[in-house]
Amino acid sequence: MVEPFYTDVDEDEVKREKAKARELRNSQWWKRRRSTGICHYCGRKFKPSELTMDHIVPLGRGGKSTKGNVAPACKECNTRKKQLLLIEWEEYLKSVREEGS
């Protein structure tokens, strides 16, 4: 697996982005986005209320709370993805599939 590259992100910046995420979570845009009930990562169907907001580029890695950087995710995928970037997440999934073969 690729070793994650972490950047030094200012704690105050992360706090500001978390506040923006809370606002975005209350928006009609987000409610429509998760209304499909489909997890962005595994593609499984859930009740919309069971989906969480995941930052595709995590806040701790310099990501922002913008419409283009958040996706609905089931709690399992969101927990497993943690601070991984998409390329790292895809590599993780590939390794899991290979172990199961």
N, C-alpha and C. Protein backbone atom coordinates (compact mmCIF):
# COMPACT_ATOMS: atom_id res chain seq x y z
N MET A 1 0.84 -1.19 0.00
CA MET A 1 0.00 0.00 0.00
C MET A 1 0.88 1.25 0.00
N VAL A 2 0.44 2.27 -0.67
CA VAL A 2 1.17 3.54 -0.73
C VAL A 2 1.13 4.19 0.64
N GLU A 3 2.28 4.67 1.07
CA GLU A 3 2.32 5.40 2.34
C GLU A 3 1.68 6.77 2.14
N PRO A 4 0.70 7.13 3.00
CA PRO A 4 0.06 8.43 2.84
C PRO A 4 1.04 9.57 3.07
N PHE A 5 0.90 10.61 2.27
CA PHE A 5 1.71 11.82 2.42
C PHE A 5 0.88 12.84 3.17
N TYR A 6 1.35 13.27 4.31
CA TYR A 6 0.60 14.22 5.12
C TYR A 6 1.25 15.60 5.05
N THR A 7 0.40 16.60 4.95
CA THR A 7 0.89 17.96 4.95
C THR A 7 0.58 18.57 6.31
N ASP A 8 1.32 19.58 6.66
CA ASP A 8 1.03 20.30 7.89
C ASP A 8 -0.13 21.25 7.61
N VAL A 9 -1.26 20.96 8.20
CA VAL A 9 -2.44 21.78 8.01
C VAL A 9 -2.72 22.51 9.32
N ASP A 10 -2.92 23.80 9.21
CA ASP A 10 -3.18 24.64 10.36
C ASP A 10 -4.48 24.22 11.05
N GLU A 11 -4.44 24.02 12.37
CA GLU A 11 -5.62 23.60 13.13
C GLU A 11 -6.77 24.59 12.98
N ASP A 12 -6.47 25.88 12.96
CA ASP A 12 -7.52 26.88 12.80
C ASP A 12 -8.21 26.75 11.44
N GLU A 13 -7.43 26.42 10.42
CA GLU A 13 -8.00 26.21 9.09
C GLU A 13 -8.94 25.00 9.09
N VAL A 14 -8.52 23.92 9.76
CA VAL A 14 -9.37 22.73 9.85
C VAL A 14 -10.67 23.07 10.57
N LYS A 15 -10.60 23.85 11.64
CA LYS A 15 -11.81 24.25 12.38
C LYS A 15 -12.75 25.05 11.48
N ARG A 16 -12.18 25.96 10.68
CA ARG A 16 -13.01 26.76 9.77
C ARG A 16 -13.68 25.86 8.73
N GLU A 17 -12.94 24.90 8.21
CA GLU A 17 -13.49 24.00 7.20
C GLU A 17 -14.55 23.07 7.80
N LYS A 18 -14.37 22.67 9.05
CA LYS A 18 -15.41 21.85 9.71
C LYS A 18 -16.69 22.65 9.89
N ALA A 19 -16.56 23.93 10.21
CA ALA A 19 -17.74 24.79 10.34
C ALA A 19 -18.44 24.92 8.99
N LYS A 20 -17.68 25.08 7.92
CA LYS A 20 -18.27 25.14 6.58
C LYS A 20 -18.98 23.83 6.24
N ALA A 21 -18.39 22.70 6.67
CA ALA A 21 -19.01 21.39 6.40
C ALA A 21 -20.35 21.28 7.12
N ARG A 22 -20.42 21.78 8.35
CA ARG A 22 -21.69 21.75 9.09
C ARG A 22 -22.75 22.55 8.34
N GLU A 23 -22.38 23.71 7.82
CA GLU A 23 -23.33 24.53 7.04
C GLU A 23 -23.75 23.78 5.77
N LEU A 24 -22.80 23.19 5.09
CA LEU A 24 -23.08 22.47 3.85
C LEU A 24 -24.01 21.28 4.12
N ARG A 25 -23.80 20.60 5.25
CA ARG A 25 -24.63 19.45 5.62
C ARG A 25 -26.09 19.83 5.81
N ASN A 26 -26.35 21.07 6.17
CA ASN A 26 -27.72 21.54 6.38
C ASN A 26 -28.35 22.11 5.11
N SER A 27 -27.60 22.15 4.02
CA SER A 27 -28.10 22.77 2.79
C SER A 27 -29.01 21.81 2.01
N GLN A 28 -29.88 22.39 1.20
CA GLN A 28 -30.73 21.59 0.33
C GLN A 28 -29.88 20.82 -0.69
N TRP A 29 -28.79 21.42 -1.13
CA TRP A 29 -27.90 20.74 -2.07
C TRP A 29 -27.44 19.40 -1.49
N TRP A 30 -26.98 19.40 -0.25
CA TRP A 30 -26.50 18.17 0.37
C TRP A 30 -27.63 17.17 0.56
N LYS A 31 -28.80 17.66 0.98
CA LYS A 31 -29.93 16.77 1.18
C LYS A 31 -30.32 16.08 -0.12
N ARG A 32 -30.27 16.82 -1.23
CA ARG A 32 -30.53 16.21 -2.54
C ARG A 32 -29.42 15.23 -2.92
N ARG A 33 -28.20 15.61 -2.62
CA ARG A 33 -27.02 14.79 -2.98
C ARG A 33 -27.09 13.41 -2.32
N ARG A 34 -27.48 13.36 -1.07
CA ARG A 34 -27.52 12.07 -0.38
C ARG A 34 -28.87 11.37 -0.52
N SER A 35 -29.86 12.03 -1.14
CA SER A 35 -31.20 11.45 -1.24
C SER A 35 -31.23 10.18 -2.08
N THR A 36 -30.22 9.98 -2.93
CA THR A 36 -30.16 8.74 -3.72
C THR A 36 -29.91 7.54 -2.82
N GLY A 37 -29.26 7.80 -1.67
CA GLY A 37 -28.96 6.72 -0.73
C GLY A 37 -27.80 5.84 -1.16
N ILE A 38 -27.03 6.28 -2.14
CA ILE A 38 -25.92 5.46 -2.66
C ILE A 38 -24.58 5.96 -2.14
N CYS A 39 -23.81 5.04 -1.56
CA CYS A 39 -22.47 5.38 -1.07
C CYS A 39 -21.57 5.64 -2.26
N HIS A 40 -20.85 6.73 -2.22
CA HIS A 40 -19.93 7.14 -3.29
C HIS A 40 -18.83 6.10 -3.52
N TYR A 41 -18.44 5.38 -2.47
CA TYR A 41 -17.30 4.48 -2.56
C TYR A 41 -17.66 3.03 -2.87
N CYS A 42 -18.62 2.47 -2.16
CA CYS A 42 -18.94 1.05 -2.37
C CYS A 42 -20.15 0.85 -3.28
N GLY A 43 -20.92 1.91 -3.51
CA GLY A 43 -22.07 1.83 -4.40
C GLY A 43 -23.29 1.14 -3.81
N ARG A 44 -23.21 0.76 -2.53
CA ARG A 44 -24.36 0.11 -1.92
C ARG A 44 -25.43 1.15 -1.57
N LYS A 45 -26.65 0.67 -1.43
CA LYS A 45 -27.81 1.52 -1.15
C LYS A 45 -28.08 1.54 0.35
N PHE A 46 -28.34 2.74 0.89
CA PHE A 46 -28.64 2.95 2.30
C PHE A 46 -29.80 3.93 2.42
N LYS A 47 -30.35 4.03 3.60
CA LYS A 47 -31.29 5.11 3.86
C LYS A 47 -30.46 6.39 3.79
N PRO A 48 -30.98 7.45 3.17
CA PRO A 48 -30.20 8.68 3.08
C PRO A 48 -29.67 9.17 4.44
N SER A 49 -30.46 8.98 5.49
CA SER A 49 -30.04 9.43 6.82
C SER A 49 -28.84 8.64 7.36
N GLU A 50 -28.55 7.48 6.76
CA GLU A 50 -27.42 6.67 7.20
C GLU A 50 -26.10 7.06 6.53
N LEU A 51 -26.18 7.91 5.51
CA LEU A 51 -24.97 8.33 4.81
C LEU A 51 -24.32 9.51 5.51
N THR A 52 -23.00 9.49 5.55
CA THR A 52 -22.24 10.58 6.15
C THR A 52 -21.58 11.41 5.06
N MET A 53 -21.10 12.57 5.43
CA MET A 53 -20.39 13.43 4.49
C MET A 53 -18.90 13.11 4.59
N ASP A 54 -18.33 12.69 3.48
CA ASP A 54 -16.90 12.43 3.45
C ASP A 54 -16.21 13.46 2.59
N HIS A 55 -15.08 13.94 3.08
CA HIS A 55 -14.24 14.84 2.28
C HIS A 55 -13.35 13.97 1.41
N ILE A 56 -13.48 14.09 0.11
CA ILE A 56 -12.71 13.28 -0.82
C ILE A 56 -11.22 13.52 -0.59
N VAL A 57 -10.82 14.78 -0.55
CA VAL A 57 -9.48 15.13 -0.07
C VAL A 57 -9.69 15.55 1.38
N PRO A 58 -9.25 14.74 2.33
CA PRO A 58 -9.51 15.00 3.74
C PRO A 58 -9.01 16.38 4.20
N LEU A 59 -9.71 16.93 5.19
CA LEU A 59 -9.32 18.24 5.73
C LEU A 59 -7.89 18.20 6.25
N GLY A 60 -7.51 17.11 6.87
CA GLY A 60 -6.16 16.97 7.41
C GLY A 60 -5.09 16.88 6.35
N ARG A 61 -5.50 16.72 5.10
CA ARG A 61 -4.57 16.65 3.97
C ARG A 61 -4.68 17.89 3.09
N GLY A 62 -5.38 18.92 3.62
CA GLY A 62 -5.49 20.17 2.88
C GLY A 62 -6.77 20.34 2.10
N GLY A 63 -7.71 19.40 2.24
CA GLY A 63 -8.99 19.48 1.54
C GLY A 63 -9.87 20.59 2.09
N LYS A 64 -10.86 20.96 1.31
CA LYS A 64 -11.79 22.03 1.68
C LYS A 64 -13.21 21.49 1.76
N SER A 65 -14.06 22.22 2.45
CA SER A 65 -15.47 21.86 2.55
C SER A 65 -16.24 22.56 1.43
N THR A 66 -16.08 22.02 0.22
CA THR A 66 -16.75 22.57 -0.95
C THR A 66 -17.59 21.46 -1.59
N LYS A 67 -18.54 21.86 -2.42
CA LYS A 67 -19.41 20.88 -3.07
C LYS A 67 -18.62 19.87 -3.89
N GLY A 68 -17.53 20.30 -4.47
CA GLY A 68 -16.73 19.40 -5.29
C GLY A 68 -15.83 18.46 -4.51
N ASN A 69 -15.75 18.64 -3.20
CA ASN A 69 -14.85 17.82 -2.39
C ASN A 69 -15.58 16.99 -1.35
N VAL A 70 -16.90 16.93 -1.39
CA VAL A 70 -17.61 16.09 -0.44
C VAL A 70 -18.49 15.10 -1.18
N ALA A 71 -18.67 13.95 -0.57
CA ALA A 71 -19.48 12.90 -1.18
C ALA A 71 -20.19 12.12 -0.09
N PRO A 72 -21.38 11.60 -0.39
CA PRO A 72 -22.07 10.76 0.59
C PRO A 72 -21.37 9.41 0.70
N ALA A 73 -21.15 8.97 1.92
CA ALA A 73 -20.47 7.70 2.15
C ALA A 73 -21.14 6.97 3.30
N CYS A 74 -21.17 5.64 3.19
CA CYS A 74 -21.68 4.86 4.32
C CYS A 74 -20.66 4.97 5.45
N LYS A 75 -21.10 4.71 6.65
CA LYS A 75 -20.20 4.86 7.79
C LYS A 75 -19.01 3.91 7.70
N GLU A 76 -19.23 2.71 7.16
CA GLU A 76 -18.14 1.75 7.04
C GLU A 76 -17.05 2.28 6.12
N CYS A 77 -17.42 2.75 4.93
CA CYS A 77 -16.42 3.29 3.99
C CYS A 77 -15.76 4.54 4.56
N ASN A 78 -16.54 5.43 5.15
CA ASN A 78 -15.97 6.66 5.68
C ASN A 78 -14.96 6.34 6.79
N THR A 79 -15.29 5.39 7.64
CA THR A 79 -14.38 5.01 8.73
C THR A 79 -13.11 4.36 8.18
N ARG A 80 -13.26 3.49 7.20
CA ARG A 80 -12.09 2.81 6.64
C ARG A 80 -11.21 3.75 5.82
N LYS A 81 -11.82 4.70 5.12
CA LYS A 81 -11.06 5.62 4.28
C LYS A 81 -10.19 6.55 5.12
N LYS A 82 -10.68 6.98 6.24
CA LYS A 82 -9.96 7.87 7.15
C LYS A 82 -9.37 9.06 6.41
N GLN A 83 -8.06 9.19 6.44
CA GLN A 83 -7.35 10.33 5.84
C GLN A 83 -6.74 10.00 4.48
N LEU A 84 -7.21 8.93 3.85
CA LEU A 84 -6.63 8.53 2.57
C LEU A 84 -7.14 9.40 1.42
N LEU A 85 -6.28 9.61 0.45
CA LEU A 85 -6.68 10.23 -0.81
C LEU A 85 -7.31 9.14 -1.67
N LEU A 86 -8.02 9.52 -2.72
CA LEU A 86 -8.70 8.53 -3.55
C LEU A 86 -7.75 7.49 -4.12
N ILE A 87 -6.59 7.90 -4.58
CA ILE A 87 -5.64 6.95 -5.15
C ILE A 87 -5.20 5.94 -4.09
N GLU A 88 -5.01 6.40 -2.86
CA GLU A 88 -4.63 5.50 -1.76
C GLU A 88 -5.79 4.58 -1.40
N TRP A 89 -7.00 5.12 -1.40
CA TRP A 89 -8.21 4.34 -1.09
C TRP A 89 -8.39 3.24 -2.14
N GLU A 90 -8.24 3.60 -3.41
CA GLU A 90 -8.40 2.61 -4.48
C GLU A 90 -7.36 1.51 -4.36
N GLU A 91 -6.14 1.88 -3.98
CA GLU A 91 -5.09 0.88 -3.80
C GLU A 91 -5.42 -0.03 -2.62
N TYR A 92 -5.97 0.55 -1.57
CA TYR A 92 -6.39 -0.24 -0.41
C TYR A 92 -7.46 -1.25 -0.83
N LEU A 93 -8.49 -0.79 -1.57
CA LEU A 93 -9.56 -1.68 -2.01
C LEU A 93 -9.02 -2.80 -2.88
N LYS A 94 -8.07 -2.47 -3.75
CA LYS A 94 -7.46 -3.47 -4.63
C LYS A 94 -6.75 -4.54 -3.79
N SER A 95 -6.03 -4.11 -2.76
CA SER A 95 -5.31 -5.07 -1.92
C SER A 95 -6.27 -5.96 -1.14
N VAL A 96 -7.40 -5.42 -0.72
CA VAL A 96 -8.41 -6.19 0.00
C VAL A 96 -9.00 -7.24 -0.92
N ARG A 97 -9.31 -6.84 -2.17
CA ARG A 97 -9.87 -7.79 -3.15
C ARG A 97 -8.88 -8.92 -3.45
N GLU A 98 -7.60 -8.57 -3.57
CA GLU A 98 -6.59 -9.58 -3.87
C GLU A 98 -6.43 -10.57 -2.72
N GLU A 99 -6.53 -10.09 -1.49
CA GLU A 99 -6.43 -10.96 -0.31
C GLU A 99 -7.60 -11.93 -0.28
N GLY A 100 -8.77 -11.48 -0.73
CA GLY A 100 -9.97 -12.31 -0.71
C GLY A 100 -10.02 -13.34 -1.83
N SER A 101 -9.13 -13.21 -2.81
CA SER A 101 -9.13 -14.14 -3.96
C SER A 101 -8.49 -15.46 -3.62
